[in-house]
């Protein structure tokens, strides 16, 4: 809910910059949407961000159409009208060799070391999402394993599904180096203090995510590896296991997916990438 409110607020600000604070429903036409897209591009927004704006606006217009504020004939989205563009896919999964380069990277800066280690922890902890990472407590560690419930699915699944990950020696070293002093009710990492409201938790999570992404981009630039993001850690966890021959059911369970089909869809683009790379080997004639 907090995430949605932040998205809607950002979209509202974008709409107001483009068309003011009073926008009649009937003014939002296919041509209007095309002009709004160009406006967002002029603000250096990516097509991924533009897609968020357009899908949010489409949801509002869907509600307006459902209650009769606008007619079907005036609805500006759809085939032969405005279609939300998909962002161009980026390579998100890293190879074990690339991950090794990241782990060994050191520029002498504590900030670099900390955010590099945070990223590595995400990768090792079943590709944990940032929203779950910041909420980990020492109480979540039991018998050499760390367990958590994905925030993304906690409210939508009828069954509470716990995800468990072995606390490896590498993960323990990161906790020892950057974590809070151990106490059952303490957060493992010093992002949250406790007692924050939902909006503050969201903002602190976003700040930490941006800090990791910024530092990882700098590491990537030095190593010649592009698009190292917090989300890359999750994709890399899944694809490294898949390419190493791990059972798809295990990968699905460890990611917290509801079905094997979800996991197979999740991995599909990376498997295509692997096929393309291997196909290229066939024409490397000597």
C-alpha atoms as a PDB file:
ATOM      1  CA  UNK A   1       0.000   0.000   0.000  1.00  0.00           C
ATOM      2  CA  UNK A   2       2.795   2.434   0.887  1.00  0.00           C
ATOM      3  CA  UNK A   3       4.624   1.541  -2.312  1.00  0.00           C
ATOM      4  CA  UNK A   4       1.492   2.192  -4.382  1.00  0.00           C
ATOM      5  CA  UNK A   5       0.891   5.542  -2.692  1.00  0.00           C
ATOM      6  CA  UNK A   6       4.441   6.651  -3.527  1.00  0.00           C
ATOM      7  CA  UNK A   7       4.014   5.548  -7.153  1.00  0.00           C
ATOM      8  CA  UNK A   8       0.695   7.399  -7.494  1.00  0.00           C
ATOM      9  CA  UNK A   9       2.209  10.513  -5.928  1.00  0.00           C
ATOM     10  CA  UNK A  10       5.133  10.448  -8.390  1.00  0.00           C
ATOM     11  CA  UNK A  11       2.790   9.934 -11.324  1.00  0.00           C
ATOM     12  CA  UNK A  12       0.549  12.800 -10.154  1.00  0.00           C
ATOM     13  CA  UNK A  13       3.548  15.135 -10.006  1.00  0.00           C
ATOM     14  CA  UNK A  14       4.526  14.123 -13.536  1.00  0.00           C
ATOM     15  CA  UNK A  15       1.015  14.753 -14.825  1.00  0.00           C
ATOM     16  CA  UNK A  16       0.897  18.161 -13.133  1.00  0.00           C
ATOM     17  CA  UNK A  17       4.234  19.156 -14.672  1.00  0.00           C
ATOM     18  CA  UNK A  18       2.857  18.247 -18.074  1.00  0.00           C
ATOM     19  CA  UNK A  19      -0.745  19.470 -17.941  1.00  0.00           C
ATOM     20  CA  UNK A  20      -1.386  21.371 -14.713  1.00  0.00           C
ATOM     21  CA  UNK A  21      -3.387  20.324 -11.669  1.00  0.00           C
ATOM     22  CA  UNK A  22      -6.823  20.156 -13.300  1.00  0.00           C
ATOM     23  CA  UNK A  23      -6.955  17.575 -16.074  1.00  0.00           C
ATOM     24  CA  UNK A  24     -10.444  16.701 -17.439  1.00  0.00           C
ATOM     25  CA  UNK A  25     -10.931  13.023 -18.213  1.00  0.00           C
ATOM     26  CA  UNK A  26     -12.115  13.810 -21.746  1.00  0.00           C
ATOM     27  CA  UNK A  27      -8.830  15.584 -22.526  1.00  0.00           C
ATOM     28  CA  UNK A  28      -6.826  12.373 -22.148  1.00  0.00           C
ATOM     29  CA  UNK A  29      -6.814  11.090 -25.716  1.00  0.00           C
ATOM     30  CA  UNK A  30      -4.429   8.878 -27.657  1.00  0.00           C
ATOM     31  CA  UNK A  31      -2.692  11.976 -28.994  1.00  0.00           C
ATOM     32  CA  UNK A  32      -2.484  13.409 -25.451  1.00  0.00           C
ATOM     33  CA  UNK A  33      -0.813  10.207 -24.224  1.00  0.00           C
ATOM     34  CA  UNK A  34       1.699  10.297 -27.084  1.00  0.00           C
ATOM     35  CA  UNK A  35       2.581  13.881 -26.170  1.00  0.00           C
ATOM     36  CA  UNK A  36       2.872  12.935 -22.495  1.00  0.00           C
ATOM     37  CA  UNK A  37       5.269  10.127 -23.450  1.00  0.00           C
ATOM     38  CA  UNK A  38       7.443  12.587 -25.391  1.00  0.00           C
ATOM     39  CA  UNK A  39       7.357  14.955 -22.414  1.00  0.00           C
ATOM     40  CA  UNK A  40       8.593  12.216 -20.063  1.00  0.00           C
ATOM     41  CA  UNK A  41      11.317  11.299 -22.545  1.00  0.00           C
ATOM     42  CA  UNK A  42      12.388  14.956 -22.567  1.00  0.00           C
ATOM     43  CA  UNK A  43      12.794  14.642 -18.785  1.00  0.00           C
ATOM     44  CA  UNK A  44      15.218  11.757 -19.450  1.00  0.00           C
ATOM     45  CA  UNK A  45      12.780   9.140 -18.128  1.00  0.00           C
ATOM     46  CA  UNK A  46      13.391   5.570 -19.264  1.00  0.00           C
ATOM     47  CA  UNK A  47      10.684   3.523 -20.978  1.00  0.00           C
ATOM     48  CA  UNK A  48      10.507   1.441 -17.803  1.00  0.00           C
ATOM     49  CA  UNK A  49       9.557   4.576 -15.810  1.00  0.00           C
ATOM     50  CA  UNK A  50       7.219   5.768 -18.565  1.00  0.00           C
ATOM     51  CA  UNK A  51       5.521   2.378 -18.424  1.00  0.00           C
ATOM     52  CA  UNK A  52       4.865   2.855 -14.709  1.00  0.00           C
ATOM     53  CA  UNK A  53       3.317   6.276 -15.388  1.00  0.00           C
ATOM     54  CA  UNK A  54       1.128   4.972 -18.189  1.00  0.00           C
ATOM     55  CA  UNK A  55      -0.051   1.835 -16.391  1.00  0.00           C
ATOM     56  CA  UNK A  56      -0.963   3.912 -13.330  1.00  0.00           C
ATOM     57  CA  UNK A  57      -2.903   6.375 -15.459  1.00  0.00           C
ATOM     58  CA  UNK A  58      -4.569   3.474 -17.281  1.00  0.00           C
ATOM     59  CA  UNK A  59      -5.712   2.024 -13.932  1.00  0.00           C
ATOM     60  CA  UNK A  60      -7.351   5.363 -13.077  1.00  0.00           C
ATOM     61  CA  UNK A  61      -9.097   5.523 -16.443  1.00  0.00           C
ATOM     62  CA  UNK A  62     -10.224   1.900 -16.061  1.00  0.00           C
ATOM     63  CA  UNK A  63     -11.997   2.910 -12.845  1.00  0.00           C
ATOM     64  CA  UNK A  64     -13.493   5.948 -14.582  1.00  0.00           C
ATOM     65  CA  UNK A  65     -14.783   3.759 -17.416  1.00  0.00           C
ATOM     66  CA  UNK A  66     -16.208   1.198 -15.023  1.00  0.00           C
ATOM     67  CA  UNK A  67     -18.318   3.775 -13.163  1.00  0.00           C
ATOM     68  CA  UNK A  68     -19.403   5.556 -16.337  1.00  0.00           C
ATOM     69  CA  UNK A  69     -17.346   8.759 -16.216  1.00  0.00           C
ATOM     70  CA  UNK A  70     -15.890   8.011 -19.647  1.00  0.00           C
ATOM     71  CA  UNK A  71     -17.320   5.892 -22.459  1.00  0.00           C
ATOM     72  CA  UNK A  72     -15.609   2.971 -24.116  1.00  0.00           C
ATOM     73  CA  UNK A  73     -15.313   4.991 -27.329  1.00  0.00           C
ATOM     74  CA  UNK A  74     -13.305   7.666 -25.485  1.00  0.00           C
ATOM     75  CA  UNK A  75     -10.977   5.191 -23.784  1.00  0.00           C
ATOM     76  CA  UNK A  76      -7.469   5.997 -25.151  1.00  0.00           C
ATOM     77  CA  UNK A  77      -5.624   2.743 -24.381  1.00  0.00           C
ATOM     78  CA  UNK A  78      -5.542  -0.453 -26.417  1.00  0.00           C
ATOM     79  CA  UNK A  79      -4.961  -1.774 -29.912  1.00  0.00           C
ATOM     80  CA  UNK A  80      -4.894   0.964 -32.556  1.00  0.00           C
ATOM     81  CA  UNK A  81      -4.857   3.462 -29.689  1.00  0.00           C
ATOM     82  CA  UNK A  82      -2.080   4.060 -27.156  1.00  0.00           C
ATOM     83  CA  UNK A  83      -0.249   0.889 -26.137  1.00  0.00           C
ATOM     84  CA  UNK A  84       2.080   0.913 -23.163  1.00  0.00           C
ATOM     85  CA  UNK A  85       5.547   0.123 -24.466  1.00  0.00           C
ATOM     86  CA  UNK A  86       7.579  -2.616 -22.883  1.00  0.00           C
ATOM     87  CA  UNK A  87      11.028  -1.550 -21.774  1.00  0.00           C
ATOM     88  CA  UNK A  88      13.919  -3.164 -23.581  1.00  0.00           C
ATOM     89  CA  UNK A  89      15.139  -6.160 -21.633  1.00  0.00           C
ATOM     90  CA  UNK A  90      18.489  -5.884 -19.922  1.00  0.00           C
ATOM     91  CA  UNK A  91      20.876  -8.628 -19.009  1.00  0.00           C
ATOM     92  CA  UNK A  92      20.289  -9.021 -15.291  1.00  0.00           C
ATOM     93  CA  UNK A  93      21.968 -12.283 -14.300  1.00  0.00           C
ATOM     94  CA  UNK A  94      25.702 -12.414 -13.702  1.00  0.00           C
ATOM     95  CA  UNK A  95      28.017 -15.375 -14.143  1.00  0.00           C
ATOM     96  CA  UNK A  96      29.933 -16.957 -11.269  1.00  0.00           C
ATOM     97  CA  UNK A  97      33.114 -15.469 -12.721  1.00  0.00           C
ATOM     98  CA  UNK A  98      31.638 -11.966 -12.647  1.00  0.00           C
ATOM     99  CA  UNK A  99      30.359 -12.440  -9.101  1.00  0.00           C
ATOM    100  CA  UNK A 100      33.840 -13.552  -8.086  1.00  0.00           C
ATOM    101  CA  UNK A 101      35.286 -10.366  -9.574  1.00  0.00           C
ATOM    102  CA  UNK A 102      32.805  -8.312  -7.550  1.00  0.00           C
ATOM    103  CA  UNK A 103      33.589 -10.165  -4.316  1.00  0.00           C
ATOM    104  CA  UNK A 104      37.317  -9.566  -4.776  1.00  0.00           C
ATOM    105  CA  UNK A 105      36.955  -5.894  -5.744  1.00  0.00           C
ATOM    106  CA  UNK A 106      38.425  -3.435  -3.245  1.00  0.00           C
ATOM    107  CA  UNK A 107      39.171   0.251  -3.762  1.00  0.00           C
ATOM    108  CA  UNK A 108      40.099   0.902  -0.140  1.00  0.00           C
ATOM    109  CA  UNK A 109      36.798   2.594   0.668  1.00  0.00           C
ATOM    110  CA  UNK A 110      34.658   1.373   3.594  1.00  0.00           C
ATOM    111  CA  UNK A 111      31.509   2.530   1.792  1.00  0.00           C
ATOM    112  CA  UNK A 112      32.401   0.456  -1.265  1.00  0.00           C
ATOM    113  CA  UNK A 113      33.145  -2.572   0.910  1.00  0.00           C
ATOM    114  CA  UNK A 114      29.895  -2.212   2.857  1.00  0.00           C
ATOM    115  CA  UNK A 115      27.565  -1.866  -0.103  1.00  0.00           C
ATOM    116  CA  UNK A 116      29.439  -4.542  -2.047  1.00  0.00           C
ATOM    117  CA  UNK A 117      28.957  -6.857   0.946  1.00  0.00           C
ATOM    118  CA  UNK A 118      25.275  -5.913   1.260  1.00  0.00           C
ATOM    119  CA  UNK A 119      24.839  -6.852  -2.411  1.00  0.00           C
ATOM    120  CA  UNK A 120      26.652 -10.156  -1.855  1.00  0.00           C
ATOM    121  CA  UNK A 121      24.402 -10.911   1.133  1.00  0.00           C
ATOM    122  CA  UNK A 122      21.323 -10.382  -1.061  1.00  0.00           C
ATOM    123  CA  UNK A 123      22.751 -12.868  -3.551  1.00  0.00           C
ATOM    124  CA  UNK A 124      23.684 -15.504  -0.966  1.00  0.00           C
ATOM    125  CA  UNK A 125      20.436 -15.165   0.998  1.00  0.00           C
ATOM    126  CA  UNK A 126      18.290 -16.731  -1.747  1.00  0.00           C
ATOM    127  CA  UNK A 127      18.246 -13.477  -3.719  1.00  0.00           C
ATOM    128  CA  UNK A 128      16.315 -11.762  -0.918  1.00  0.00           C
ATOM    129  CA  UNK A 129      14.489  -8.547  -1.844  1.00  0.00           C
ATOM    130  CA  UNK A 130      15.534  -5.266  -0.218  1.00  0.00           C
ATOM    131  CA  UNK A 131      12.178  -4.877   1.538  1.00  0.00           C
ATOM    132  CA  UNK A 132      12.846  -8.162   3.351  1.00  0.00           C
ATOM    133  CA  UNK A 133      16.595  -7.600   3.811  1.00  0.00           C
ATOM    134  CA  UNK A 134      16.174  -4.416   5.867  1.00  0.00           C
ATOM    135  CA  UNK A 135      13.703  -6.160   8.214  1.00  0.00           C
ATOM    136  CA  UNK A 136      15.861  -9.177   9.033  1.00  0.00           C
ATOM    137  CA  UNK A 137      16.409  -9.601  12.770  1.00  0.00           C
ATOM    138  CA  UNK A 138      18.723 -11.840  14.741  1.00  0.00           C
ATOM    139  CA  UNK A 139      15.593 -13.677  15.817  1.00  0.00           C
ATOM    140  CA  UNK A 140      15.285 -14.798  12.186  1.00  0.00           C
ATOM    141  CA  UNK A 141      18.446 -16.880  12.566  1.00  0.00           C
ATOM    142  CA  UNK A 142      17.882 -20.351  13.955  1.00  0.00           C
ATOM    143  CA  UNK A 143      20.095 -23.438  13.897  1.00  0.00           C
ATOM    144  CA  UNK A 144      22.450 -22.015  11.275  1.00  0.00           C
ATOM    145  CA  UNK A 145      19.655 -20.877   8.941  1.00  0.00           C
ATOM    146  CA  UNK A 146      18.001 -17.552   8.339  1.00  0.00           C
ATOM    147  CA  UNK A 147      14.265 -17.581   7.660  1.00  0.00           C
ATOM    148  CA  UNK A 148      11.836 -14.927   6.485  1.00  0.00           C
ATOM    149  CA  UNK A 149       8.499 -14.452   4.753  1.00  0.00           C
ATOM    150  CA  UNK A 150       8.489 -12.379   1.570  1.00  0.00           C
ATOM    151  CA  UNK A 151       6.715  -9.078   2.149  1.00  0.00           C
ATOM    152  CA  UNK A 152       5.571  -9.175  -1.474  1.00  0.00           C
ATOM    153  CA  UNK A 153       3.491 -12.321  -0.942  1.00  0.00           C
ATOM    154  CA  UNK A 154       2.765 -12.249   2.795  1.00  0.00           C
ATOM    155  CA  UNK A 155      -0.605 -10.525   2.361  1.00  0.00           C
ATOM    156  CA  UNK A 156      -1.638 -12.332  -0.816  1.00  0.00           C
ATOM    157  CA  UNK A 157      -0.951 -15.965   0.074  1.00  0.00           C
ATOM    158  CA  UNK A 158      -3.379 -17.812   2.293  1.00  0.00           C
ATOM    159  CA  UNK A 159      -0.558 -19.994   3.592  1.00  0.00           C
ATOM    160  CA  UNK A 160       2.387 -18.308   5.310  1.00  0.00           C
ATOM    161  CA  UNK A 161       5.400 -19.629   3.408  1.00  0.00           C
ATOM    162  CA  UNK A 162       8.748 -19.327   5.100  1.00  0.00           C
ATOM    163  CA  UNK A 163      11.925 -19.099   3.055  1.00  0.00           C
ATOM    164  CA  UNK A 164      15.064 -20.533   4.622  1.00  0.00           C
ATOM    165  CA  UNK A 165      18.681 -19.951   3.640  1.00  0.00           C
ATOM    166  CA  UNK A 166      21.835 -21.434   5.124  1.00  0.00           C
ATOM    167  CA  UNK A 167      23.954 -18.818   6.877  1.00  0.00           C
ATOM    168  CA  UNK A 168      27.202 -19.456   5.032  1.00  0.00           C
ATOM    169  CA  UNK A 169      30.584 -18.419   6.357  1.00  0.00           C
ATOM    170  CA  UNK A 170      30.554 -15.547   3.833  1.00  0.00           C
ATOM    171  CA  UNK A 171      27.174 -14.332   5.102  1.00  0.00           C
ATOM    172  CA  UNK A 172      28.304 -14.594   8.726  1.00  0.00           C
ATOM    173  CA  UNK A 173      31.441 -12.583   7.933  1.00  0.00           C
ATOM    174  CA  UNK A 174      29.250  -9.822   6.435  1.00  0.00           C
ATOM    175  CA  UNK A 175      27.017  -9.834   9.523  1.00  0.00           C
ATOM    176  CA  UNK A 176      30.049  -9.694  11.812  1.00  0.00           C
ATOM    177  CA  UNK A 177      31.578  -6.825   9.838  1.00  0.00           C
ATOM    178  CA  UNK A 178      28.559  -4.586   9.220  1.00  0.00           C
ATOM    179  CA  UNK A 179      25.757  -5.845  11.460  1.00  0.00           C
ATOM    180  CA  UNK A 180      24.363  -4.513  14.717  1.00  0.00           C
ATOM    181  CA  UNK A 181      25.472  -6.163  17.978  1.00  0.00           C
ATOM    182  CA  UNK A 182      23.570  -9.476  18.261  1.00  0.00           C
ATOM    183  CA  UNK A 183      20.304  -9.357  20.201  1.00  0.00           C
ATOM    184  CA  UNK A 184      17.079 -11.263  19.422  1.00  0.00           C
ATOM    185  CA  UNK A 185      14.962  -8.163  18.803  1.00  0.00           C
ATOM    186  CA  UNK A 186      17.662  -6.208  16.952  1.00  0.00           C
ATOM    187  CA  UNK A 187      17.739  -5.764  13.228  1.00  0.00           C
ATOM    188  CA  UNK A 188      20.748  -7.529  11.729  1.00  0.00           C
ATOM    189  CA  UNK A 189      21.782  -4.565   9.607  1.00  0.00           C
ATOM    190  CA  UNK A 190      21.640  -0.893  10.715  1.00  0.00           C
ATOM    191  CA  UNK A 191      19.075   0.366   8.225  1.00  0.00           C
ATOM    192  CA  UNK A 192      16.014   0.466  10.485  1.00  0.00           C
ATOM    193  CA  UNK A 193      16.024   1.327  14.181  1.00  0.00           C
ATOM    194  CA  UNK A 194      12.559   0.083  15.075  1.00  0.00           C
ATOM    195  CA  UNK A 195       9.344   2.005  15.605  1.00  0.00           C
ATOM    196  CA  UNK A 196       9.365   3.654  12.154  1.00  0.00           C
ATOM    197  CA  UNK A 197       6.041   4.095  10.390  1.00  0.00           C
ATOM    198  CA  UNK A 198       5.459   2.387   7.044  1.00  0.00           C
ATOM    199  CA  UNK A 199       6.366   5.447   4.966  1.00  0.00           C
ATOM    200  CA  UNK A 200       9.663   5.932   6.813  1.00  0.00           C
ATOM    201  CA  UNK A 201      10.502   2.231   6.366  1.00  0.00           C
ATOM    202  CA  UNK A 202       9.819   2.581   2.643  1.00  0.00           C
ATOM    203  CA  UNK A 203      11.995   5.676   2.341  1.00  0.00           C
ATOM    204  CA  UNK A 204      14.889   4.117   4.258  1.00  0.00           C
ATOM    205  CA  UNK A 205      14.647   1.005   2.097  1.00  0.00           C
ATOM    206  CA  UNK A 206      14.713   3.115  -1.060  1.00  0.00           C
ATOM    207  CA  UNK A 207      17.669   5.154   0.197  1.00  0.00           C
ATOM    208  CA  UNK A 208      19.685   2.015   0.958  1.00  0.00           C
ATOM    209  CA  UNK A 209      18.733   0.490  -2.393  1.00  0.00           C
ATOM    210  CA  UNK A 210      19.930   3.603  -4.225  1.00  0.00           C
ATOM    211  CA  UNK A 211      23.162   3.646  -2.204  1.00  0.00           C
ATOM    212  CA  UNK A 212      23.890   0.014  -3.087  1.00  0.00           C
ATOM    213  CA  UNK A 213      23.004   0.519  -6.751  1.00  0.00           C
ATOM    214  CA  UNK A 214      25.178   3.626  -7.024  1.00  0.00           C
ATOM    215  CA  UNK A 215      28.198   1.930  -5.473  1.00  0.00           C
ATOM    216  CA  UNK A 216      27.682  -1.257  -7.507  1.00  0.00           C
ATOM    217  CA  UNK A 217      27.476   0.829 -10.700  1.00  0.00           C
ATOM    218  CA  UNK A 218      30.887   2.261  -9.846  1.00  0.00           C
ATOM    219  CA  UNK A 219      32.272  -1.220  -9.232  1.00  0.00           C
ATOM    220  CA  UNK A 220      30.727  -2.414 -12.486  1.00  0.00           C
ATOM    221  CA  UNK A 221      32.331   0.445 -14.377  1.00  0.00           C
ATOM    222  CA  UNK A 222      35.755  -0.536 -13.071  1.00  0.00           C
ATOM    223  CA  UNK A 223      35.198  -4.217 -13.862  1.00  0.00           C
ATOM    224  CA  UNK A 224      33.431  -3.740 -17.194  1.00  0.00           C
ATOM    225  CA  UNK A 225      30.181  -5.288 -15.907  1.00  0.00           C
ATOM    226  CA  UNK A 226      26.961  -3.379 -16.615  1.00  0.00           C
ATOM    227  CA  UNK A 227      23.655  -3.230 -14.745  1.00  0.00           C
ATOM    228  CA  UNK A 228      24.700  -4.526 -11.318  1.00  0.00           C
ATOM    229  CA  UNK A 229      21.610  -3.728  -9.263  1.00  0.00           C
ATOM    230  CA  UNK A 230      20.082  -5.100  -6.085  1.00  0.00           C
ATOM    231  CA  UNK A 231      17.637  -6.986  -8.292  1.00  0.00           C
ATOM    232  CA  UNK A 232      20.554  -8.461 -10.240  1.00  0.00           C
ATOM    233  CA  UNK A 233      21.491 -10.360  -7.093  1.00  0.00           C
ATOM    234  CA  UNK A 234      18.134 -12.173  -7.144  1.00  0.00           C
ATOM    235  CA  UNK A 235      18.342 -13.026 -10.832  1.00  0.00           C
ATOM    236  CA  UNK A 236      21.938 -14.165 -10.443  1.00  0.00           C
ATOM    237  CA  UNK A 237      21.074 -16.438  -7.510  1.00  0.00           C
ATOM    238  CA  UNK A 238      18.420 -18.192  -9.574  1.00  0.00           C
ATOM    239  CA  UNK A 239      20.385 -18.522 -12.784  1.00  0.00           C
ATOM    240  CA  UNK A 240      23.651 -19.651 -11.160  1.00  0.00           C
ATOM    241  CA  UNK A 241      21.726 -22.456  -9.468  1.00  0.00           C
ATOM    242  CA  UNK A 242      19.899 -23.357 -12.694  1.00  0.00           C
ATOM    243  CA  UNK A 243      23.080 -23.436 -14.750  1.00  0.00           C
ATOM    244  CA  UNK A 244      24.738 -25.538 -12.064  1.00  0.00           C
ATOM    245  CA  UNK A 245      22.032 -28.175 -12.400  1.00  0.00           C
ATOM    246  CA  UNK A 246      19.935 -27.394  -9.307  1.00  0.00           C
ATOM    247  CA  UNK A 247      16.413 -28.800  -9.250  1.00  0.00           C
ATOM    248  CA  UNK A 248      13.839 -26.288 -10.525  1.00  0.00           C
ATOM    249  CA  UNK A 249      11.533 -27.140  -7.609  1.00  0.00           C
ATOM    250  CA  UNK A 250      14.276 -26.207  -5.129  1.00  0.00           C
ATOM    251  CA  UNK A 251      14.917 -22.904  -6.928  1.00  0.00           C
ATOM    252  CA  UNK A 252      11.195 -22.147  -6.919  1.00  0.00           C
ATOM    253  CA  UNK A 253      10.868 -22.855  -3.199  1.00  0.00           C
ATOM    254  CA  UNK A 254      13.965 -20.860  -2.286  1.00  0.00           C
ATOM    255  CA  UNK A 255      12.741 -17.834  -4.257  1.00  0.00           C
ATOM    256  CA  UNK A 256       9.329 -18.001  -2.579  1.00  0.00           C
ATOM    257  CA  UNK A 257       7.443 -18.456  -5.850  1.00  0.00           C
ATOM    258  CA  UNK A 258       3.921 -19.840  -5.742  1.00  0.00           C
ATOM    259  CA  UNK A 259       4.433 -22.295  -8.587  1.00  0.00           C
ATOM    260  CA  UNK A 260       7.042 -23.935 -10.797  1.00  0.00           C
ATOM    261  CA  UNK A 261       5.491 -22.132 -13.767  1.00  0.00           C
ATOM    262  CA  UNK A 262       6.309 -18.779 -12.165  1.00  0.00           C
ATOM    263  CA  UNK A 263       9.930 -19.845 -11.750  1.00  0.00           C
ATOM    264  CA  UNK A 264      10.179 -21.207 -15.298  1.00  0.00           C
ATOM    265  CA  UNK A 265       8.817 -17.938 -16.677  1.00  0.00           C
ATOM    266  CA  UNK A 266      11.202 -16.002 -14.433  1.00  0.00           C
ATOM    267  CA  UNK A 267      14.207 -17.901 -15.794  1.00  0.00           C
ATOM    268  CA  UNK A 268      13.094 -18.098 -19.429  1.00  0.00           C
ATOM    269  CA  UNK A 269      14.816 -14.926 -20.670  1.00  0.00           C
ATOM    270  CA  UNK A 270      18.114 -15.940 -19.090  1.00  0.00           C
ATOM    271  CA  UNK A 271      17.996 -19.364 -20.681  1.00  0.00           C
ATOM    272  CA  UNK A 272      17.440 -17.696 -24.072  1.00  0.00           C
ATOM    273  CA  UNK A 273      20.461 -15.515 -23.378  1.00  0.00           C
ATOM    274  CA  UNK A 274      22.494 -18.659 -22.673  1.00  0.00           C
ATOM    275  CA  UNK A 275      21.268 -20.293 -25.913  1.00  0.00           C
ATOM    276  CA  UNK A 276      22.221 -17.204 -27.890  1.00  0.00           C
ATOM    277  CA  UNK A 277      25.709 -17.208 -26.385  1.00  0.00           C
ATOM    278  CA  UNK A 278      26.174 -20.889 -27.135  1.00  0.00           C
ATOM    279  CA  UNK A 279      24.820 -20.540 -30.671  1.00  0.00           C
ATOM    280  CA  UNK A 280      27.444 -17.879 -31.361  1.00  0.00           C
ATOM    281  CA  UNK A 281      30.157 -20.422 -30.527  1.00  0.00           C
ATOM    282  CA  UNK A 282      29.126 -22.439 -33.571  1.00  0.00           C
ATOM    283  CA  UNK A 283      30.417 -19.820 -35.984  1.00  0.00           C
ATOM    284  CA  UNK A 284      33.705 -18.976 -34.321  1.00  0.00           C
ATOM    285  CA  UNK A 285      35.650 -20.646 -37.090  1.00  0.00           C
ATOM    286  CA  UNK A 286      39.439 -20.684 -37.040  1.00  0.00           C
END
